[in-house]
C-alpha atoms as a PDB file:
ATOM      1  CA  UNK A   1      30.766 -83.149  29.704  1.00  0.00           C
ATOM      2  CA  UNK A   2      27.682 -82.960  27.570  1.00  0.00           C
ATOM      3  CA  UNK A   3      25.080 -80.274  27.925  1.00  0.00           C
ATOM      4  CA  UNK A   4      21.726 -81.415  29.074  1.00  0.00           C
ATOM      5  CA  UNK A   5      18.771 -79.098  28.975  1.00  0.00           C
ATOM      6  CA  UNK A   6      17.978 -77.695  32.344  1.00  0.00           C
ATOM      7  CA  UNK A   7      21.489 -78.255  33.541  1.00  0.00           C
ATOM      8  CA  UNK A   8      23.966 -75.462  34.096  1.00  0.00           C
ATOM      9  CA  UNK A   9      27.130 -75.478  32.001  1.00  0.00           C
ATOM     10  CA  UNK A  10      30.239 -76.547  33.786  1.00  0.00           C
ATOM     11  CA  UNK A  11      32.272 -73.424  33.025  1.00  0.00           C
ATOM     12  CA  UNK A  12      30.377 -71.525  35.730  1.00  0.00           C
ATOM     13  CA  UNK A  13      32.108 -72.027  39.026  1.00  0.00           C
ATOM     14  CA  UNK A  14      30.152 -73.910  41.601  1.00  0.00           C
ATOM     15  CA  UNK A  15      27.344 -74.220  39.054  1.00  0.00           C
ATOM     16  CA  UNK A  16      25.929 -71.020  40.555  1.00  0.00           C
ATOM     17  CA  UNK A  17      26.273 -68.848  37.422  1.00  0.00           C
ATOM     18  CA  UNK A  18      27.365 -65.257  37.757  1.00  0.00           C
ATOM     19  CA  UNK A  19      25.106 -64.565  40.689  1.00  0.00           C
ATOM     20  CA  UNK A  20      26.062 -67.292  43.034  1.00  0.00           C
ATOM     21  CA  UNK A  21      29.385 -67.763  44.614  1.00  0.00           C
ATOM     22  CA  UNK A  22      30.464 -64.091  44.497  1.00  0.00           C
ATOM     23  CA  UNK A  23      31.490 -64.219  40.838  1.00  0.00           C
ATOM     24  CA  UNK A  24      30.565 -60.712  39.562  1.00  0.00           C
ATOM     25  CA  UNK A  25      32.600 -60.617  36.362  1.00  0.00           C
ATOM     26  CA  UNK A  26      29.468 -59.949  34.412  1.00  0.00           C
ATOM     27  CA  UNK A  27      28.838 -56.704  36.305  1.00  0.00           C
ATOM     28  CA  UNK A  28      32.393 -55.528  35.699  1.00  0.00           C
ATOM     29  CA  UNK A  29      32.105 -56.243  31.980  1.00  0.00           C
ATOM     30  CA  UNK A  30      28.762 -54.502  31.818  1.00  0.00           C
ATOM     31  CA  UNK A  31      30.091 -51.360  33.536  1.00  0.00           C
ATOM     32  CA  UNK A  32      33.207 -51.429  31.390  1.00  0.00           C
ATOM     33  CA  UNK A  33      31.139 -51.524  28.206  1.00  0.00           C
ATOM     34  CA  UNK A  34      28.757 -48.816  29.352  1.00  0.00           C
ATOM     35  CA  UNK A  35      31.296 -46.455  30.859  1.00  0.00           C
ATOM     36  CA  UNK A  36      34.124 -46.982  28.386  1.00  0.00           C
ATOM     37  CA  UNK A  37      36.728 -49.009  30.269  1.00  0.00           C
ATOM     38  CA  UNK A  38      37.363 -46.446  32.930  1.00  0.00           C
ATOM     39  CA  UNK A  39      36.491 -43.312  30.923  1.00  0.00           C
ATOM     40  CA  UNK A  40      32.917 -43.111  32.144  1.00  0.00           C
ATOM     41  CA  UNK A  41      29.667 -43.237  30.196  1.00  0.00           C
ATOM     42  CA  UNK A  42      30.350 -42.713  26.525  1.00  0.00           C
ATOM     43  CA  UNK A  43      34.023 -42.124  27.175  1.00  0.00           C
ATOM     44  CA  UNK A  44      33.485 -39.094  29.432  1.00  0.00           C
ATOM     45  CA  UNK A  45      34.017 -40.715  32.851  1.00  0.00           C
ATOM     46  CA  UNK A  46      37.569 -39.731  33.719  1.00  0.00           C
ATOM     47  CA  UNK A  47      37.935 -36.803  31.332  1.00  0.00           C
ATOM     48  CA  UNK A  48      36.051 -34.075  33.157  1.00  0.00           C
ATOM     49  CA  UNK A  49      37.412 -31.481  30.710  1.00  0.00           C
ATOM     50  CA  UNK A  50      35.412 -33.040  27.898  1.00  0.00           C
ATOM     51  CA  UNK A  51      32.313 -33.119  30.092  1.00  0.00           C
ATOM     52  CA  UNK A  52      32.925 -29.492  31.024  1.00  0.00           C
ATOM     53  CA  UNK A  53      33.343 -28.651  27.330  1.00  0.00           C
ATOM     54  CA  UNK A  54      30.067 -30.403  26.504  1.00  0.00           C
ATOM     55  CA  UNK A  55      28.299 -28.517  29.264  1.00  0.00           C
ATOM     56  CA  UNK A  56      29.888 -25.273  28.071  1.00  0.00           C
ATOM     57  CA  UNK A  57      28.748 -26.000  24.506  1.00  0.00           C
ATOM     58  CA  UNK A  58      25.250 -26.528  25.888  1.00  0.00           C
ATOM     59  CA  UNK A  59      25.382 -23.167  27.642  1.00  0.00           C
ATOM     60  CA  UNK A  60      26.834 -21.590  24.522  1.00  0.00           C
ATOM     61  CA  UNK A  61      23.989 -23.054  22.465  1.00  0.00           C
ATOM     62  CA  UNK A  62      21.503 -21.747  25.022  1.00  0.00           C
ATOM     63  CA  UNK A  63      23.145 -18.312  24.818  1.00  0.00           C
ATOM     64  CA  UNK A  64      23.020 -18.377  21.012  1.00  0.00           C
ATOM     65  CA  UNK A  65      19.372 -19.447  21.110  1.00  0.00           C
ATOM     66  CA  UNK A  66      18.617 -16.645  23.582  1.00  0.00           C
ATOM     67  CA  UNK A  67      20.324 -14.120  21.322  1.00  0.00           C
ATOM     68  CA  UNK A  68      18.474 -15.498  18.290  1.00  0.00           C
ATOM     69  CA  UNK A  69      15.199 -15.179  20.172  1.00  0.00           C
ATOM     70  CA  UNK A  70      16.119 -11.608  21.102  1.00  0.00           C
ATOM     71  CA  UNK A  71      17.045 -10.881  17.477  1.00  0.00           C
ATOM     72  CA  UNK A  72      13.788 -12.446  16.303  1.00  0.00           C
ATOM     73  CA  UNK A  73      11.840 -10.291  18.757  1.00  0.00           C
ATOM     74  CA  UNK A  74      13.713  -7.206  17.554  1.00  0.00           C
ATOM     75  CA  UNK A  75      13.035  -8.091  13.929  1.00  0.00           C
ATOM     76  CA  UNK A  76       9.364  -8.560  14.744  1.00  0.00           C
ATOM     77  CA  UNK A  77       9.387  -5.086  16.288  1.00  0.00           C
ATOM     78  CA  UNK A  78      11.063  -3.655  13.191  1.00  0.00           C
ATOM     79  CA  UNK A  79       8.583  -5.519  11.010  1.00  0.00           C
ATOM     80  CA  UNK A  80       5.656  -4.079  12.970  1.00  0.00           C
ATOM     81  CA  UNK A  81       7.197  -0.608  12.769  1.00  0.00           C
ATOM     82  CA  UNK A  82       7.584  -0.979   9.015  1.00  0.00           C
ATOM     83  CA  UNK A  83       4.021  -2.207   8.628  1.00  0.00           C
ATOM     84  CA  UNK A  84       2.751   0.682  10.732  1.00  0.00           C
ATOM     85  CA  UNK A  85       4.878   3.111   8.721  1.00  0.00           C
ATOM     86  CA  UNK A  86       3.632   1.657   5.454  1.00  0.00           C
ATOM     87  CA  UNK A  87       0.050   1.879   6.698  1.00  0.00           C
ATOM     88  CA  UNK A  88       0.588   5.493   7.710  1.00  0.00           C
ATOM     89  CA  UNK A  89       2.233   6.183   4.346  1.00  0.00           C
ATOM     90  CA  UNK A  90      -0.720   4.639   2.500  1.00  0.00           C
ATOM     91  CA  UNK A  91      -3.117   6.768   4.551  1.00  0.00           C
ATOM     92  CA  UNK A  92      -1.043   9.897   3.856  1.00  0.00           C
ATOM     93  CA  UNK A  93      -0.916   9.113   0.134  1.00  0.00           C
ATOM     94  CA  UNK A  94      -4.660   8.504   0.073  1.00  0.00           C
ATOM     95  CA  UNK A  95      -5.262  11.753   1.965  1.00  0.00           C
ATOM     96  CA  UNK A  96      -2.905  13.667  -0.326  1.00  0.00           C
ATOM     97  CA  UNK A  97      -4.595  12.053  -3.315  1.00  0.00           C
ATOM     98  CA  UNK A  98      -7.981  13.266  -2.080  1.00  0.00           C
ATOM     99  CA  UNK A  99      -6.600  16.731  -1.409  1.00  0.00           C
ATOM    100  CA  UNK A 100      -5.035  16.894  -4.875  1.00  0.00           C
ATOM    101  CA  UNK A 101      -8.240  15.623  -6.488  1.00  0.00           C
ATOM    102  CA  UNK A 102     -10.281  18.230  -4.586  1.00  0.00           C
ATOM    103  CA  UNK A 103      -7.829  20.960  -5.599  1.00  0.00           C
ATOM    104  CA  UNK A 104      -8.102  19.894  -9.239  1.00  0.00           C
ATOM    105  CA  UNK A 105     -11.894  19.870  -9.001  1.00  0.00           C
ATOM    106  CA  UNK A 106     -11.896  23.346  -7.434  1.00  0.00           C
ATOM    107  CA  UNK A 107      -9.481  24.714 -10.057  1.00  0.00           C
ATOM    108  CA  UNK A 108     -11.516  23.134 -12.850  1.00  0.00           C
ATOM    109  CA  UNK A 109     -14.661  24.732 -11.411  1.00  0.00           C
ATOM    110  CA  UNK A 110     -12.890  28.101 -11.189  1.00  0.00           C
ATOM    111  CA  UNK A 111     -11.690  27.797 -14.804  1.00  0.00           C
ATOM    112  CA  UNK A 112     -15.182  26.816 -15.961  1.00  0.00           C
ATOM    113  CA  UNK A 113     -16.728  29.711 -14.051  1.00  0.00           C
ATOM    114  CA  UNK A 114     -14.168  32.122 -15.526  1.00  0.00           C
ATOM    115  CA  UNK A 115     -14.852  30.834 -19.044  1.00  0.00           C
ATOM    116  CA  UNK A 116     -18.590  31.172 -18.481  1.00  0.00           C
ATOM    117  CA  UNK A 117     -18.126  34.727 -17.216  1.00  0.00           C
ATOM    118  CA  UNK A 118     -15.959  35.564 -20.248  1.00  0.00           C
ATOM    119  CA  UNK A 119     -18.503  34.036 -22.604  1.00  0.00           C
ATOM    120  CA  UNK A 120     -21.312  35.927 -20.897  1.00  0.00           C
ATOM    121  CA  UNK A 121     -19.320  39.171 -21.198  1.00  0.00           C
ATOM    122  CA  UNK A 122     -18.665  38.560 -24.894  1.00  0.00           C
ATOM    123  CA  UNK A 123     -22.276  37.635 -25.531  1.00  0.00           C
ATOM    124  CA  UNK A 124     -23.401  40.702 -23.588  1.00  0.00           C
ATOM    125  CA  UNK A 125     -21.133  42.930 -25.678  1.00  0.00           C
ATOM    126  CA  UNK A 126     -22.279  41.327 -28.936  1.00  0.00           C
ATOM    127  CA  UNK A 127     -25.908  41.647 -27.876  1.00  0.00           C
ATOM    128  CA  UNK A 128     -25.482  45.336 -27.017  1.00  0.00           C
ATOM    129  CA  UNK A 129     -23.598  45.887 -30.270  1.00  0.00           C
ATOM    130  CA  UNK A 130     -26.372  44.212 -32.230  1.00  0.00           C
ATOM    131  CA  UNK A 131     -29.027  46.174 -30.382  1.00  0.00           C
ATOM    132  CA  UNK A 132     -27.192  49.437 -31.068  1.00  0.00           C
ATOM    133  CA  UNK A 133     -26.798  48.505 -34.733  1.00  0.00           C
ATOM    134  CA  UNK A 134     -30.476  47.625 -35.033  1.00  0.00           C
ATOM    135  CA  UNK A 135     -31.492  50.837 -33.273  1.00  0.00           C
ATOM    136  CA  UNK A 136     -29.370  52.814 -35.739  1.00  0.00           C
ATOM    137  CA  UNK A 137     -30.951  51.019 -38.702  1.00  0.00           C
ATOM    138  CA  UNK A 138     -34.377  51.524 -37.178  1.00  0.00           C
ATOM    139  CA  UNK A 139     -33.720  55.235 -36.764  1.00  0.00           C
ATOM    140  CA  UNK A 140     -32.405  55.453 -40.333  1.00  0.00           C
ATOM    141  CA  UNK A 141     -35.411  53.599 -41.704  1.00  0.00           C
ATOM    142  CA  UNK A 142     -37.785  55.726 -39.675  1.00  0.00           C
ATOM    143  CA  UNK A 143     -36.034  58.808 -41.016  1.00  0.00           C
ATOM    144  CA  UNK A 144     -36.391  57.531 -44.568  1.00  0.00           C
ATOM    145  CA  UNK A 145     -40.034  56.713 -44.007  1.00  0.00           C
ATOM    146  CA  UNK A 146     -40.628  60.156 -42.574  1.00  0.00           C
ATOM    147  CA  UNK A 147     -38.800  61.736 -45.501  1.00  0.00           C
ATOM    148  CA  UNK A 148     -40.820  59.695 -47.980  1.00  0.00           C
ATOM    149  CA  UNK A 149     -44.052  60.656 -46.245  1.00  0.00           C
ATOM    150  CA  UNK A 150     -43.116  64.325 -46.277  1.00  0.00           C
ATOM    151  CA  UNK A 151     -42.209  64.112 -49.953  1.00  0.00           C
ATOM    152  CA  UNK A 152     -45.484  62.420 -50.773  1.00  0.00           C
ATOM    153  CA  UNK A 153     -47.383  65.006 -48.790  1.00  0.00           C
ATOM    154  CA  UNK A 154     -45.698  67.847 -50.674  1.00  0.00           C
ATOM    155  CA  UNK A 155     -46.273  66.160 -54.006  1.00  0.00           C
ATOM    156  CA  UNK A 156     -49.907  65.552 -53.226  1.00  0.00           C
ATOM    157  CA  UNK A 157     -50.321  69.146 -52.147  1.00  0.00           C
ATOM    158  CA  UNK A 158     -48.747  70.426 -55.319  1.00  0.00           C
ATOM    159  CA  UNK A 159     -50.809  68.240 -57.599  1.00  0.00           C
ATOM    160  CA  UNK A 160     -53.948  69.912 -56.597  1.00  0.00           C
ATOM    161  CA  UNK A 161     -52.619  73.477 -57.352  1.00  0.00           C
ATOM    162  CA  UNK A 162     -52.194  73.153 -61.069  1.00  0.00           C
ATOM    163  CA  UNK A 163     -48.647  74.228 -60.959  1.00  0.00           C
ATOM    164  CA  UNK A 164     -47.477  71.708 -63.524  1.00  0.00           C
ATOM    165  CA  UNK A 165     -46.229  69.112 -61.075  1.00  0.00           C
ATOM    166  CA  UNK A 166     -48.419  66.322 -62.249  1.00  0.00           C
ATOM    167  CA  UNK A 167     -45.603  64.256 -63.743  1.00  0.00           C
ATOM    168  CA  UNK A 168     -43.597  64.103 -60.493  1.00  0.00           C
ATOM    169  CA  UNK A 169     -43.522  60.793 -58.894  1.00  0.00           C
END
């Protein structure tokens, strides 16, 4: 028989297709392809152990993810503790650095003050020594001047007496 458009093929019983006449072979084939010829959808219909294993793997994955999240949270806590510790360490180092710098400044000031005091003491001694030396020279020179004046007075007194002291200088 030839196929004419609009006409049903003759291999369908009663020309009713798969829907008419109670012929549901198409539904059986469809279910067989979807559910794996009796093994369920994707081959897991009859084998409940494989479905149970898949579900268990899902729970195992969820457990692993939960543990990873917990580990991540713990690592974040450790990270924050480290950052806080590093911040505290930086602050302590900065504080210690300031304390050390201040101690160095104070010691440098003390050394400078001690050197100034030593220099002042030395200069005071040298000044007193020089003053004493000059006073001694002054006294010596005054003594010499006094001696020269006395000598000149005696010579002048003798010159007027005609005692023969005219040639004395």
